[in-house]
């Protein structure tokens, strides 16, 4: 299901990602969810795509996700 707000995201996403990374996750998930309509694994695929989108801009350091330095 698409996420309307960041507060609708799964608990692990809200707990570990900063606000901007949550925005990236939500937008990527929603886009992928729409793109894979009709696919049996669309939700799983959408979560994988959303994490990939976050990882392009953020890196996990210890327990925290921080912006990548160019």
C-alpha atoms as a PDB file:
ATOM      1  CA  UNK A   1       0.000   0.000   0.000  1.00  0.00           C
ATOM      2  CA  UNK A   2       1.282   3.479  -0.753  1.00  0.00           C
ATOM      3  CA  UNK A   3       2.284   5.724   2.142  1.00  0.00           C
ATOM      4  CA  UNK A   4       0.624   9.133   2.364  1.00  0.00           C
ATOM      5  CA  UNK A   5       2.799  10.503   5.192  1.00  0.00           C
ATOM      6  CA  UNK A   6       6.091   9.587   6.799  1.00  0.00           C
ATOM      7  CA  UNK A   7       4.167   8.647   9.946  1.00  0.00           C
ATOM      8  CA  UNK A   8       2.544   5.870   7.879  1.00  0.00           C
ATOM      9  CA  UNK A   9       5.919   4.252   7.103  1.00  0.00           C
ATOM     10  CA  UNK A  10       6.893   0.983   8.808  1.00  0.00           C
ATOM     11  CA  UNK A  11       8.284   1.413  12.325  1.00  0.00           C
ATOM     12  CA  UNK A  12      11.880   0.348  11.452  1.00  0.00           C
ATOM     13  CA  UNK A  13      12.024   2.991   8.719  1.00  0.00           C
ATOM     14  CA  UNK A  14      10.674   5.741  10.991  1.00  0.00           C
ATOM     15  CA  UNK A  15      12.904   4.704  13.875  1.00  0.00           C
ATOM     16  CA  UNK A  16      16.209   4.587  12.000  1.00  0.00           C
ATOM     17  CA  UNK A  17      16.025   7.090   9.146  1.00  0.00           C
ATOM     18  CA  UNK A  18      16.208  10.882   9.471  1.00  0.00           C
ATOM     19  CA  UNK A  19      13.262  12.883   8.112  1.00  0.00           C
ATOM     20  CA  UNK A  20      14.775  13.604   4.696  1.00  0.00           C
ATOM     21  CA  UNK A  21      15.684   9.947   4.191  1.00  0.00           C
ATOM     22  CA  UNK A  22      12.113   9.014   5.133  1.00  0.00           C
ATOM     23  CA  UNK A  23      10.877  11.377   2.404  1.00  0.00           C
ATOM     24  CA  UNK A  24      13.149   9.635  -0.109  1.00  0.00           C
ATOM     25  CA  UNK A  25      11.969   6.199   1.038  1.00  0.00           C
ATOM     26  CA  UNK A  26       8.274   7.131   0.864  1.00  0.00           C
ATOM     27  CA  UNK A  27       8.500   8.707  -2.570  1.00  0.00           C
ATOM     28  CA  UNK A  28      10.541   5.845  -4.032  1.00  0.00           C
ATOM     29  CA  UNK A  29       8.230   3.229  -2.497  1.00  0.00           C
ATOM     30  CA  UNK A  30       5.085   4.925  -3.794  1.00  0.00           C
ATOM     31  CA  UNK A  31       6.531   5.315  -7.286  1.00  0.00           C
ATOM     32  CA  UNK A  32       7.647   1.676  -7.446  1.00  0.00           C
ATOM     33  CA  UNK A  33       4.338   0.458  -5.980  1.00  0.00           C
ATOM     34  CA  UNK A  34       2.470   2.201  -8.813  1.00  0.00           C
ATOM     35  CA  UNK A  35       4.943   1.018 -11.452  1.00  0.00           C
ATOM     36  CA  UNK A  36       4.626  -2.653 -10.456  1.00  0.00           C
ATOM     37  CA  UNK A  37       0.822  -2.770 -10.248  1.00  0.00           C
ATOM     38  CA  UNK A  38      -0.407  -6.271 -10.956  1.00  0.00           C
ATOM     39  CA  UNK A  39       2.869  -7.953  -9.942  1.00  0.00           C
ATOM     40  CA  UNK A  40       2.635 -10.573  -7.175  1.00  0.00           C
ATOM     41  CA  UNK A  41       5.766  -9.285  -5.405  1.00  0.00           C
ATOM     42  CA  UNK A  42       5.105  -5.584  -5.876  1.00  0.00           C
ATOM     43  CA  UNK A  43       5.230  -4.652  -2.176  1.00  0.00           C
ATOM     44  CA  UNK A  44       8.488  -6.513  -1.510  1.00  0.00           C
ATOM     45  CA  UNK A  45      10.018  -5.094  -4.676  1.00  0.00           C
ATOM     46  CA  UNK A  46       8.883  -1.584  -3.754  1.00  0.00           C
ATOM     47  CA  UNK A  47      10.553  -1.811  -0.327  1.00  0.00           C
ATOM     48  CA  UNK A  48      13.806  -2.983  -1.942  1.00  0.00           C
ATOM     49  CA  UNK A  49      13.710  -0.095  -4.407  1.00  0.00           C
ATOM     50  CA  UNK A  50      12.968   2.385  -1.613  1.00  0.00           C
ATOM     51  CA  UNK A  51      15.978   1.186   0.431  1.00  0.00           C
ATOM     52  CA  UNK A  52      18.170   1.451  -2.674  1.00  0.00           C
ATOM     53  CA  UNK A  53      17.020   5.041  -3.170  1.00  0.00           C
ATOM     54  CA  UNK A  54      17.896   5.908   0.437  1.00  0.00           C
ATOM     55  CA  UNK A  55      21.328   4.287   0.091  1.00  0.00           C
ATOM     56  CA  UNK A  56      22.176   6.576  -2.838  1.00  0.00           C
ATOM     57  CA  UNK A  57      21.977   9.606  -0.516  1.00  0.00           C
ATOM     58  CA  UNK A  58      22.638   8.141   2.942  1.00  0.00           C
ATOM     59  CA  UNK A  59      25.085   5.719   4.496  1.00  0.00           C
ATOM     60  CA  UNK A  60      24.701   3.793   7.734  1.00  0.00           C
ATOM     61  CA  UNK A  61      27.396   4.634  10.279  1.00  0.00           C
ATOM     62  CA  UNK A  62      26.991   2.463  13.344  1.00  0.00           C
ATOM     63  CA  UNK A  63      23.295   2.683  14.179  1.00  0.00           C
ATOM     64  CA  UNK A  64      22.728   6.032  12.425  1.00  0.00           C
ATOM     65  CA  UNK A  65      22.007   6.918   8.813  1.00  0.00           C
ATOM     66  CA  UNK A  66      23.935  10.021   7.750  1.00  0.00           C
ATOM     67  CA  UNK A  67      24.083  11.940   4.447  1.00  0.00           C
ATOM     68  CA  UNK A  68      26.741  10.774   2.025  1.00  0.00           C
ATOM     69  CA  UNK A  69      29.591  13.196   1.535  1.00  0.00           C
ATOM     70  CA  UNK A  70      30.236  13.983  -2.117  1.00  0.00           C
END
